[in-house]
Amino acid sequence: MLFFFTSTRTRVSFEAGMAQLGGHAQFIDSETTQISHGDTAKEIGEIVGRYTDGIAIRQCDWDFGNKYIREVAKNSRVPVLNMQCDVYHPFQILADAMTIMEKFGRNNLRGKVINVSWAYASSYQKPISVPQSLILLMTRFGMNVRLTHPPEYKLMPDIVEQAKENAKRSGGTLEVGHDFDEGFKGADILYPKSWGALLTTTDNKESAAIGKKYTDWITDARRMKLAKEHAVYMHCLPADRNIEVSDEVIDGPQSIVYDEAENRLHVQKAAMALTMS
């Protein structure tokens, strides 16, 4: 497991999953190895692939992470798993799908409304990989997907177009809006989280200034009441409490964030068993 970015749930769930499968997971921090000043993606694929039965990588650098993982995979003789990059977060979204199926029924997703929304956070320019992966997968189940964000926080155009094609084929919809409250109205599933304005600017100061225009984009009890009575709140975690979401919501009865986090373990075990057996 090669990490270029810190992790809690991803590291623990992968390590625990591999142990439960009877294997051993090695943790490699890019900053404490030669990877930070020498080893290339090709060398990692060629060499680590000869030592192990699989390679898992988290590399979220903008306009680089996905390319790096693909270059490692190109040169590896063993499976390479994407633990998150600048474009996708596949295992998080598989866990999200599993959690939604647990709550609503595996064959009862068609027509359900999921609001994938930006929310304000004061921390840093977070990757856009979670919302992009969400709209790509949820549109494949015939769901009505709402993508809600301020104009500056748009996603990659090719990802949005692919999601629209997915929706067309599955009988669902993808609607893009810019009104935070409207996104909540009548929704079954609420997934508001922060991400960076990376397609607008890569400058952290400029991004922070943009974000401060939307500090009221917080998920609170009032907004949860705009959704359906049975609506659930989801977040991949960590969330900026009382900035991105109120304690009342994330710790409340509609929140399913802990089930969501648990399911990271199960989907990752399935993927490792499938690819490494």
C-alpha atoms as a PDB file:
ATOM      1  CA  MET A   1       0.000   0.000   0.000  1.00  0.00           C
ATOM      2  CA  LEU A   2       1.699   3.140  -1.256  1.00  0.00           C
ATOM      3  CA  PHE A   3       0.388   6.412   0.176  1.00  0.00           C
ATOM      4  CA  PHE A   4       1.239   9.862  -1.110  1.00  0.00           C
ATOM      5  CA  PHE A   5      -1.546  11.311   1.067  1.00  0.00           C
ATOM      6  CA  THR A   6      -2.443  10.571   4.678  1.00  0.00           C
ATOM      7  CA  SER A   7      -5.319   8.245   5.438  1.00  0.00           C
ATOM      8  CA  THR A   8      -7.329   6.791   8.293  1.00  0.00           C
ATOM      9  CA  ARG A   9     -10.197   4.682   6.939  1.00  0.00           C
ATOM     10  CA  THR A  10      -8.437   3.631   3.734  1.00  0.00           C
ATOM     11  CA  ARG A  11      -5.295   2.409   5.450  1.00  0.00           C
ATOM     12  CA  VAL A  12      -7.018   0.671   8.362  1.00  0.00           C
ATOM     13  CA  SER A  13      -9.686  -0.991   6.207  1.00  0.00           C
ATOM     14  CA  PHE A  14      -7.189  -2.285   3.648  1.00  0.00           C
ATOM     15  CA  GLU A  15      -4.832  -3.592   6.340  1.00  0.00           C
ATOM     16  CA  ALA A  16      -7.669  -5.204   8.301  1.00  0.00           C
ATOM     17  CA  GLY A  17      -9.184  -6.665   5.151  1.00  0.00           C
ATOM     18  CA  MET A  18      -5.953  -8.241   4.001  1.00  0.00           C
ATOM     19  CA  ALA A  19      -5.349  -9.687   7.476  1.00  0.00           C
ATOM     20  CA  GLN A  20      -8.861 -11.168   7.525  1.00  0.00           C
ATOM     21  CA  LEU A  21      -8.151 -12.759   4.144  1.00  0.00           C
ATOM     22  CA  GLY A  22      -5.015 -14.363   5.563  1.00  0.00           C
ATOM     23  CA  GLY A  23      -2.539 -12.014   3.917  1.00  0.00           C
ATOM     24  CA  HIS A  24      -0.229  -9.220   4.988  1.00  0.00           C
ATOM     25  CA  ALA A  25      -0.394  -5.555   3.978  1.00  0.00           C
ATOM     26  CA  GLN A  26       2.740  -3.412   3.873  1.00  0.00           C
ATOM     27  CA  PHE A  27       2.394   0.328   4.475  1.00  0.00           C
ATOM     28  CA  ILE A  28       4.704   2.522   2.390  1.00  0.00           C
ATOM     29  CA  ASP A  29       4.853   6.276   2.958  1.00  0.00           C
ATOM     30  CA  SER A  30       6.188   8.052  -0.118  1.00  0.00           C
ATOM     31  CA  GLU A  31       7.898  10.676   2.048  1.00  0.00           C
ATOM     32  CA  THR A  32       9.974   8.185   4.044  1.00  0.00           C
ATOM     33  CA  THR A  33      11.235   6.132   1.100  1.00  0.00           C
ATOM     34  CA  GLN A  34      13.225   6.714  -2.084  1.00  0.00           C
ATOM     35  CA  ILE A  35       9.926   7.304  -3.880  1.00  0.00           C
ATOM     36  CA  SER A  36      10.076  10.939  -2.762  1.00  0.00           C
ATOM     37  CA  HIS A  37      13.350  11.567  -4.593  1.00  0.00           C
ATOM     38  CA  GLY A  38      14.186   8.887  -7.123  1.00  0.00           C
ATOM     39  CA  ASP A  39      11.985   5.845  -7.721  1.00  0.00           C
ATOM     40  CA  THR A  40       9.836   6.286 -10.838  1.00  0.00           C
ATOM     41  CA  ALA A  41       6.335   4.946 -11.457  1.00  0.00           C
ATOM     42  CA  LYS A  42       7.794   2.412 -13.880  1.00  0.00           C
ATOM     43  CA  GLU A  43      10.275   1.197 -11.276  1.00  0.00           C
ATOM     44  CA  ILE A  44       7.569   0.885  -8.631  1.00  0.00           C
ATOM     45  CA  GLY A  45       5.470  -1.228 -10.980  1.00  0.00           C
ATOM     46  CA  GLU A  46       8.362  -3.409 -12.091  1.00  0.00           C
ATOM     47  CA  ILE A  47      10.006  -3.927  -8.690  1.00  0.00           C
ATOM     48  CA  VAL A  48       7.189  -3.865  -6.128  1.00  0.00           C
ATOM     49  CA  GLY A  49       5.170  -6.015  -8.517  1.00  0.00           C
ATOM     50  CA  ARG A  50       7.858  -8.692  -8.192  1.00  0.00           C
ATOM     51  CA  TYR A  51       7.730  -8.597  -4.388  1.00  0.00           C
ATOM     52  CA  THR A  52       3.973  -8.672  -3.838  1.00  0.00           C
ATOM     53  CA  ASP A  53       0.652 -10.070  -5.047  1.00  0.00           C
ATOM     54  CA  GLY A  54      -0.889  -6.639  -5.498  1.00  0.00           C
ATOM     55  CA  ILE A  55      -0.148  -2.920  -5.296  1.00  0.00           C
ATOM     56  CA  ALA A  56      -2.549  -0.317  -3.908  1.00  0.00           C
ATOM     57  CA  ILE A  57      -1.858   3.389  -4.379  1.00  0.00           C
ATOM     58  CA  ARG A  58      -3.312   6.668  -3.130  1.00  0.00           C
ATOM     59  CA  GLN A  59      -2.004   9.582  -5.204  1.00  0.00           C
ATOM     60  CA  CYS A  60      -4.287  12.621  -5.401  1.00  0.00           C
ATOM     61  CA  ASP A  61      -2.018  15.296  -6.886  1.00  0.00           C
ATOM     62  CA  TRP A  62      -4.040  17.297  -9.390  1.00  0.00           C
ATOM     63  CA  ASP A  63      -3.471  16.332 -13.027  1.00  0.00           C
ATOM     64  CA  PHE A  64      -0.945  13.695 -11.960  1.00  0.00           C
ATOM     65  CA  GLY A  65      -2.365  11.091  -9.566  1.00  0.00           C
ATOM     66  CA  ASN A  66      -4.386   9.040 -12.036  1.00  0.00           C
ATOM     67  CA  LYS A  67      -1.589   9.186 -14.601  1.00  0.00           C
ATOM     68  CA  TYR A  68       0.870   7.913 -11.992  1.00  0.00           C
ATOM     69  CA  ILE A  69      -1.321   4.969 -10.997  1.00  0.00           C
ATOM     70  CA  ARG A  70      -1.851   4.024 -14.641  1.00  0.00           C
ATOM     71  CA  GLU A  71       1.896   4.152 -15.281  1.00  0.00           C
ATOM     72  CA  VAL A  72       2.533   1.829 -12.332  1.00  0.00           C
ATOM     73  CA  ALA A  73      -0.177  -0.542 -13.588  1.00  0.00           C
ATOM     74  CA  LYS A  74       1.297  -0.511 -17.081  1.00  0.00           C
ATOM     75  CA  ASN A  75       4.585  -1.832 -15.698  1.00  0.00           C
ATOM     76  CA  SER A  76       3.290  -4.195 -13.004  1.00  0.00           C
ATOM     77  CA  ARG A  77       2.802  -7.943 -13.277  1.00  0.00           C
ATOM     78  CA  VAL A  78       0.289  -7.867 -10.385  1.00  0.00           C
ATOM     79  CA  PRO A  79      -3.053  -6.048  -9.943  1.00  0.00           C
ATOM     80  CA  VAL A  80      -2.856  -2.343  -9.103  1.00  0.00           C
ATOM     81  CA  LEU A  81      -5.700  -0.944  -6.981  1.00  0.00           C
ATOM     82  CA  ASN A  82      -6.666   2.729  -6.916  1.00  0.00           C
ATOM     83  CA  MET A  83      -7.090   3.821  -3.281  1.00  0.00           C
ATOM     84  CA  GLN A  84      -7.953   7.337  -4.545  1.00  0.00           C
ATOM     85  CA  CYS A  85      -6.554   9.638  -7.169  1.00  0.00           C
ATOM     86  CA  ASP A  86      -7.318  13.087  -8.518  1.00  0.00           C
ATOM     87  CA  VAL A  87     -10.073  11.710 -10.765  1.00  0.00           C
ATOM     88  CA  TYR A  88     -11.633   8.667  -9.051  1.00  0.00           C
ATOM     89  CA  HIS A  89     -12.217   7.149  -5.602  1.00  0.00           C
ATOM     90  CA  PRO A  90     -13.543   3.717  -6.637  1.00  0.00           C
ATOM     91  CA  PHE A  91     -13.590   1.872  -3.309  1.00  0.00           C
ATOM     92  CA  GLN A  92     -15.333   4.705  -1.495  1.00  0.00           C
ATOM     93  CA  ILE A  93     -18.058   4.766  -4.102  1.00  0.00           C
ATOM     94  CA  LEU A  94     -18.463   0.970  -4.066  1.00  0.00           C
ATOM     95  CA  ALA A  95     -18.937   1.244  -0.302  1.00  0.00           C
ATOM     96  CA  ASP A  96     -21.450   4.044  -0.857  1.00  0.00           C
ATOM     97  CA  ALA A  97     -23.402   1.901  -3.312  1.00  0.00           C
ATOM     98  CA  MET A  98     -23.397  -1.043  -0.905  1.00  0.00           C
ATOM     99  CA  THR A  99     -24.666   1.192   1.908  1.00  0.00           C
ATOM    100  CA  ILE A 100     -27.462   2.645  -0.221  1.00  0.00           C
ATOM    101  CA  MET A 101     -28.521  -0.873  -1.227  1.00  0.00           C
ATOM    102  CA  GLU A 102     -28.596  -1.910   2.433  1.00  0.00           C
ATOM    103  CA  LYS A 103     -30.904   0.992   3.280  1.00  0.00           C
ATOM    104  CA  PHE A 104     -33.207   1.021   0.244  1.00  0.00           C
ATOM    105  CA  GLY A 105     -32.968  -2.501  -1.179  1.00  0.00           C
ATOM    106  CA  ARG A 106     -30.692  -3.818  -3.871  1.00  0.00           C
ATOM    107  CA  ASN A 107     -33.384  -3.808  -6.544  1.00  0.00           C
ATOM    108  CA  ASN A 108     -35.145  -0.658  -5.403  1.00  0.00           C
ATOM    109  CA  LEU A 109     -32.793   2.128  -6.508  1.00  0.00           C
ATOM    110  CA  ARG A 110     -34.449   3.110  -9.781  1.00  0.00           C
ATOM    111  CA  GLY A 111     -36.007   6.545  -9.451  1.00  0.00           C
ATOM    112  CA  LYS A 112     -34.414   7.315  -6.093  1.00  0.00           C
ATOM    113  CA  VAL A 113     -33.115  10.886  -5.847  1.00  0.00           C
ATOM    114  CA  ILE A 114     -29.532  11.380  -4.678  1.00  0.00           C
ATOM    115  CA  ASN A 115     -28.181  14.887  -4.185  1.00  0.00           C
ATOM    116  CA  VAL A 116     -24.409  14.994  -4.695  1.00  0.00           C
ATOM    117  CA  SER A 117     -23.613  18.458  -3.431  1.00  0.00           C
ATOM    118  CA  TRP A 118     -20.641  20.658  -2.684  1.00  0.00           C
ATOM    119  CA  ALA A 119     -20.443  21.930   0.896  1.00  0.00           C
ATOM    120  CA  TYR A 120     -18.195  24.532   2.451  1.00  0.00           C
ATOM    121  CA  ALA A 121     -15.089  23.475   4.371  1.00  0.00           C
ATOM    122  CA  SER A 122     -12.280  25.630   5.667  1.00  0.00           C
ATOM    123  CA  SER A 123      -9.513  23.051   5.405  1.00  0.00           C
ATOM    124  CA  TYR A 124      -7.912  22.542   1.978  1.00  0.00           C
ATOM    125  CA  GLN A 125      -8.574  22.024  -1.755  1.00  0.00           C
ATOM    126  CA  LYS A 126      -9.958  18.510  -1.463  1.00  0.00           C
ATOM    127  CA  PRO A 127      -9.935  16.206  -4.508  1.00  0.00           C
ATOM    128  CA  ILE A 128     -12.942  16.104  -6.819  1.00  0.00           C
ATOM    129  CA  SER A 129     -12.675  12.319  -7.052  1.00  0.00           C
ATOM    130  CA  VAL A 130     -15.586  11.520  -4.709  1.00  0.00           C
ATOM    131  CA  PRO A 131     -18.313  13.560  -6.452  1.00  0.00           C
ATOM    132  CA  GLN A 132     -17.030  12.477  -9.859  1.00  0.00           C
ATOM    133  CA  SER A 133     -17.121   8.806  -8.909  1.00  0.00           C
ATOM    134  CA  LEU A 134     -20.551   9.217  -7.336  1.00  0.00           C
ATOM    135  CA  ILE A 135     -22.195  10.679 -10.420  1.00  0.00           C
ATOM    136  CA  LEU A 136     -20.542   8.046 -12.610  1.00  0.00           C
ATOM    137  CA  LEU A 137     -21.774   5.068 -10.587  1.00  0.00           C
ATOM    138  CA  MET A 138     -25.155   6.243  -9.312  1.00  0.00           C
ATOM    139  CA  THR A 139     -26.313   7.125 -12.831  1.00  0.00           C
ATOM    140  CA  ARG A 140     -25.840   3.479 -13.778  1.00  0.00           C
ATOM    141  CA  PHE A 141     -28.630   2.351 -11.419  1.00  0.00           C
ATOM    142  CA  GLY A 142     -31.450   4.384 -12.942  1.00  0.00           C
ATOM    143  CA  MET A 143     -31.281   6.887 -10.110  1.00  0.00           C
ATOM    144  CA  ASN A 144     -32.133  10.569 -10.454  1.00  0.00           C
ATOM    145  CA  VAL A 145     -28.831  12.227  -9.641  1.00  0.00           C
ATOM    146  CA  ARG A 146     -28.573  15.882  -8.723  1.00  0.00           C
ATOM    147  CA  LEU A 147     -25.164  17.516  -8.914  1.00  0.00           C
ATOM    148  CA  THR A 148     -25.294  20.741  -6.900  1.00  0.00           C
ATOM    149  CA  HIS A 149     -22.401  23.161  -6.586  1.00  0.00           C
ATOM    150  CA  PRO A 150     -21.433  26.834  -6.932  1.00  0.00           C
ATOM    151  CA  PRO A 151     -20.384  27.722 -10.495  1.00  0.00           C
ATOM    152  CA  GLU A 152     -16.691  27.772  -9.562  1.00  0.00           C
ATOM    153  CA  TYR A 153     -16.760  24.171  -8.318  1.00  0.00           C
ATOM    154  CA  LYS A 154     -17.538  22.385 -11.559  1.00  0.00           C
ATOM    155  CA  LEU A 155     -16.326  18.849 -12.251  1.00  0.00           C
ATOM    156  CA  MET A 156     -14.388  17.543 -15.252  1.00  0.00           C
ATOM    157  CA  PRO A 157     -16.584  17.961 -18.374  1.00  0.00           C
ATOM    158  CA  ASP A 158     -15.844  14.482 -19.735  1.00  0.00           C
ATOM    159  CA  ILE A 159     -16.897  12.928 -16.416  1.00  0.00           C
ATOM    160  CA  VAL A 160     -20.180  14.850 -16.419  1.00  0.00           C
ATOM    161  CA  GLU A 161     -20.852  13.838 -20.025  1.00  0.00           C
ATOM    162  CA  GLN A 162     -20.174  10.182 -19.227  1.00  0.00           C
ATOM    163  CA  ALA A 163     -22.562  10.390 -16.272  1.00  0.00           C
ATOM    164  CA  LYS A 164     -25.238  11.828 -18.566  1.00  0.00           C
ATOM    165  CA  GLU A 165     -24.731   8.930 -20.969  1.00  0.00           C
ATOM    166  CA  ASN A 166     -24.976   6.467 -18.078  1.00  0.00           C
ATOM    167  CA  ALA A 167     -28.251   8.054 -16.975  1.00  0.00           C
ATOM    168  CA  LYS A 168     -29.662   7.913 -20.479  1.00  0.00           C
ATOM    169  CA  ARG A 169     -28.882   4.199 -20.783  1.00  0.00           C
ATOM    170  CA  SER A 170     -30.209   3.304 -17.330  1.00  0.00           C
ATOM    171  CA  GLY A 171     -33.387   5.360 -17.461  1.00  0.00           C
ATOM    172  CA  GLY A 172     -32.237   7.788 -14.795  1.00  0.00           C
ATOM    173  CA  THR A 173     -31.358  11.467 -14.926  1.00  0.00           C
ATOM    174  CA  LEU A 174     -28.481  13.805 -14.153  1.00  0.00           C
ATOM    175  CA  GLU A 175     -29.376  17.387 -13.299  1.00  0.00           C
ATOM    176  CA  VAL A 176     -26.798  20.079 -12.536  1.00  0.00           C
ATOM    177  CA  GLY A 177     -27.853  22.961 -10.276  1.00  0.00           C
ATOM    178  CA  HIS A 178     -26.311  25.764  -8.252  1.00  0.00           C
ATOM    179  CA  ASP A 179     -28.857  26.277  -5.442  1.00  0.00           C
ATOM    180  CA  PHE A 180     -27.900  24.470  -2.229  1.00  0.00           C
ATOM    181  CA  ASP A 181     -31.410  24.319  -0.756  1.00  0.00           C
ATOM    182  CA  GLU A 182     -33.000  23.185  -4.017  1.00  0.00           C
ATOM    183  CA  GLY A 183     -30.708  20.165  -4.083  1.00  0.00           C
ATOM    184  CA  PHE A 184     -32.162  18.928  -0.799  1.00  0.00           C
ATOM    185  CA  LYS A 185     -35.829  19.217  -1.728  1.00  0.00           C
ATOM    186  CA  GLY A 186     -37.500  15.824  -2.051  1.00  0.00           C
ATOM    187  CA  ALA A 187     -34.210  13.901  -2.055  1.00  0.00           C
ATOM    188  CA  ASP A 188     -33.863  10.348  -0.733  1.00  0.00           C
ATOM    189  CA  ILE A 189     -30.081  10.428  -0.292  1.00  0.00           C
ATOM    190  CA  LEU A 190     -28.004  13.457   0.648  1.00  0.00           C
ATOM    191  CA  TYR A 191     -24.264  13.466   0.009  1.00  0.00           C
ATOM    192  CA  PRO A 192     -22.968  17.020   0.566  1.00  0.00           C
ATOM    193  CA  LYS A 193     -19.185  17.316   0.887  1.00  0.00           C
ATOM    194  CA  SER A 194     -16.434  19.770   0.136  1.00  0.00           C
ATOM    195  CA  TRP A 195     -14.152  19.647  -2.885  1.00  0.00           C
ATOM    196  CA  GLY A 196     -11.703  22.076  -4.428  1.00  0.00           C
ATOM    197  CA  ALA A 197     -12.326  24.615  -7.186  1.00  0.00           C
ATOM    198  CA  LEU A 198      -9.602  22.857  -9.131  1.00  0.00           C
ATOM    199  CA  LEU A 199     -11.027  23.521 -12.587  1.00  0.00           C
ATOM    200  CA  THR A 200     -11.226  27.221 -11.732  1.00  0.00           C
ATOM    201  CA  THR A 201      -7.899  27.724  -9.946  1.00  0.00           C
ATOM    202  CA  THR A 202      -5.081  25.655  -8.464  1.00  0.00           C
ATOM    203  CA  ASP A 203      -3.949  28.559  -6.278  1.00  0.00           C
ATOM    204  CA  ASN A 204      -4.818  27.803  -2.651  1.00  0.00           C
ATOM    205  CA  LYS A 205      -5.337  31.461  -1.692  1.00  0.00           C
ATOM    206  CA  GLU A 206      -7.660  32.081  -4.616  1.00  0.00           C
ATOM    207  CA  SER A 207      -9.549  28.896  -3.806  1.00  0.00           C
ATOM    208  CA  ALA A 208      -9.966  29.931  -0.163  1.00  0.00           C
ATOM    209  CA  ALA A 209     -11.313  33.325  -1.255  1.00  0.00           C
ATOM    210  CA  ILE A 210     -13.850  31.651  -3.541  1.00  0.00           C
ATOM    211  CA  GLY A 211     -14.959  29.281  -0.803  1.00  0.00           C
ATOM    212  CA  LYS A 212     -15.626  32.110   1.650  1.00  0.00           C
ATOM    213  CA  LYS A 213     -18.443  33.291  -0.607  1.00  0.00           C
ATOM    214  CA  TYR A 214     -20.339  30.100   0.216  1.00  0.00           C
ATOM    215  CA  THR A 215     -19.836  29.604   3.964  1.00  0.00           C
ATOM    216  CA  ASP A 216     -23.601  29.113   4.335  1.00  0.00           C
ATOM    217  CA  TRP A 217     -23.432  25.847   2.352  1.00  0.00           C
ATOM    218  CA  ILE A 218     -23.639  23.751   5.521  1.00  0.00           C
ATOM    219  CA  THR A 219     -25.877  20.727   6.021  1.00  0.00           C
ATOM    220  CA  ASP A 220     -28.040  21.413   9.054  1.00  0.00           C
ATOM    221  CA  ALA A 221     -31.361  20.265  10.488  1.00  0.00           C
ATOM    222  CA  ARG A 222     -33.352  22.865   8.543  1.00  0.00           C
ATOM    223  CA  ARG A 223     -32.010  21.644   5.238  1.00  0.00           C
ATOM    224  CA  MET A 224     -32.465  17.984   6.137  1.00  0.00           C
ATOM    225  CA  LYS A 225     -36.164  18.749   6.618  1.00  0.00           C
ATOM    226  CA  LEU A 226     -36.330  19.816   2.964  1.00  0.00           C
ATOM    227  CA  ALA A 227     -35.615  16.215   1.952  1.00  0.00           C
ATOM    228  CA  LYS A 228     -37.966  13.261   2.236  1.00  0.00           C
ATOM    229  CA  GLU A 229     -38.764  12.081   5.752  1.00  0.00           C
ATOM    230  CA  HIS A 230     -36.814   8.851   5.260  1.00  0.00           C
ATOM    231  CA  ALA A 231     -33.800  10.601   3.677  1.00  0.00           C
ATOM    232  CA  VAL A 232     -30.309   9.567   4.739  1.00  0.00           C
ATOM    233  CA  TYR A 233     -27.160  11.655   5.147  1.00  0.00           C
ATOM    234  CA  MET A 234     -23.876  10.319   3.765  1.00  0.00           C
ATOM    235  CA  HIS A 235     -20.265  11.512   3.874  1.00  0.00           C
ATOM    236  CA  CYS A 236     -17.009   9.738   3.072  1.00  0.00           C
ATOM    237  CA  LEU A 237     -15.326  11.371   6.121  1.00  0.00           C
ATOM    238  CA  PRO A 238     -13.576  13.191   7.598  1.00  0.00           C
ATOM    239  CA  ALA A 239     -16.063  16.054   7.643  1.00  0.00           C
ATOM    240  CA  ASP A 240     -15.415  19.557   8.946  1.00  0.00           C
ATOM    241  CA  ARG A 241     -17.903  19.493  11.798  1.00  0.00           C
ATOM    242  CA  ASN A 242     -20.125  22.533  12.251  1.00  0.00           C
ATOM    243  CA  ILE A 243     -18.646  24.031   9.087  1.00  0.00           C
ATOM    244  CA  GLU A 244     -19.488  21.428   6.455  1.00  0.00           C
ATOM    245  CA  VAL A 245     -22.193  19.666   8.477  1.00  0.00           C
ATOM    246  CA  SER A 246     -23.694  20.249  11.908  1.00  0.00           C
ATOM    247  CA  ASP A 247     -23.120  17.804  14.758  1.00  0.00           C
ATOM    248  CA  GLU A 248     -26.890  17.424  14.978  1.00  0.00           C
ATOM    249  CA  VAL A 249     -27.013  15.983  11.464  1.00  0.00           C
ATOM    250  CA  ILE A 250     -23.866  13.872  11.298  1.00  0.00           C
ATOM    251  CA  ASP A 251     -24.584  12.346  14.723  1.00  0.00           C
ATOM    252  CA  GLY A 252     -28.339  12.176  14.162  1.00  0.00           C
ATOM    253  CA  PRO A 253     -30.663   9.302  13.222  1.00  0.00           C
ATOM    254  CA  GLN A 254     -30.570  10.052   9.485  1.00  0.00           C
ATOM    255  CA  SER A 255     -26.804   9.782   9.307  1.00  0.00           C
ATOM    256  CA  ILE A 256     -25.398   6.514   7.949  1.00  0.00           C
ATOM    257  CA  VAL A 257     -21.754   7.576   7.821  1.00  0.00           C
ATOM    258  CA  TYR A 258     -20.536   4.773  10.100  1.00  0.00           C
ATOM    259  CA  ASP A 259     -22.232   2.037   8.081  1.00  0.00           C
ATOM    260  CA  GLU A 260     -20.714   3.681   5.022  1.00  0.00           C
ATOM    261  CA  ALA A 261     -17.240   3.612   6.580  1.00  0.00           C
ATOM    262  CA  GLU A 262     -17.626  -0.035   7.634  1.00  0.00           C
ATOM    263  CA  ASN A 263     -18.511  -1.064   4.111  1.00  0.00           C
ATOM    264  CA  ARG A 264     -15.132   0.120   2.871  1.00  0.00           C
ATOM    265  CA  LEU A 265     -13.768  -3.021   4.531  1.00  0.00           C
ATOM    266  CA  HIS A 266     -16.208  -5.363   2.810  1.00  0.00           C
ATOM    267  CA  VAL A 267     -15.928  -4.034  -0.744  1.00  0.00           C
ATOM    268  CA  GLN A 268     -12.135  -3.910  -0.527  1.00  0.00           C
ATOM    269  CA  LYS A 269     -11.952  -7.494   0.721  1.00  0.00           C
ATOM    270  CA  ALA A 270     -14.093  -8.535  -2.226  1.00  0.00           C
ATOM    271  CA  ALA A 271     -11.856  -6.686  -4.683  1.00  0.00           C
ATOM    272  CA  MET A 272      -8.660  -8.106  -3.201  1.00  0.00           C
ATOM    273  CA  ALA A 273     -10.045 -11.638  -3.184  1.00  0.00           C
ATOM    274  CA  LEU A 274     -11.208 -11.248  -6.779  1.00  0.00           C
ATOM    275  CA  THR A 275      -7.987  -9.768  -8.146  1.00  0.00           C
ATOM    276  CA  MET A 276      -5.316 -11.543  -6.093  1.00  0.00           C
ATOM    277  CA  SER A 277      -6.683 -15.068  -5.697  1.00  0.00           C
END
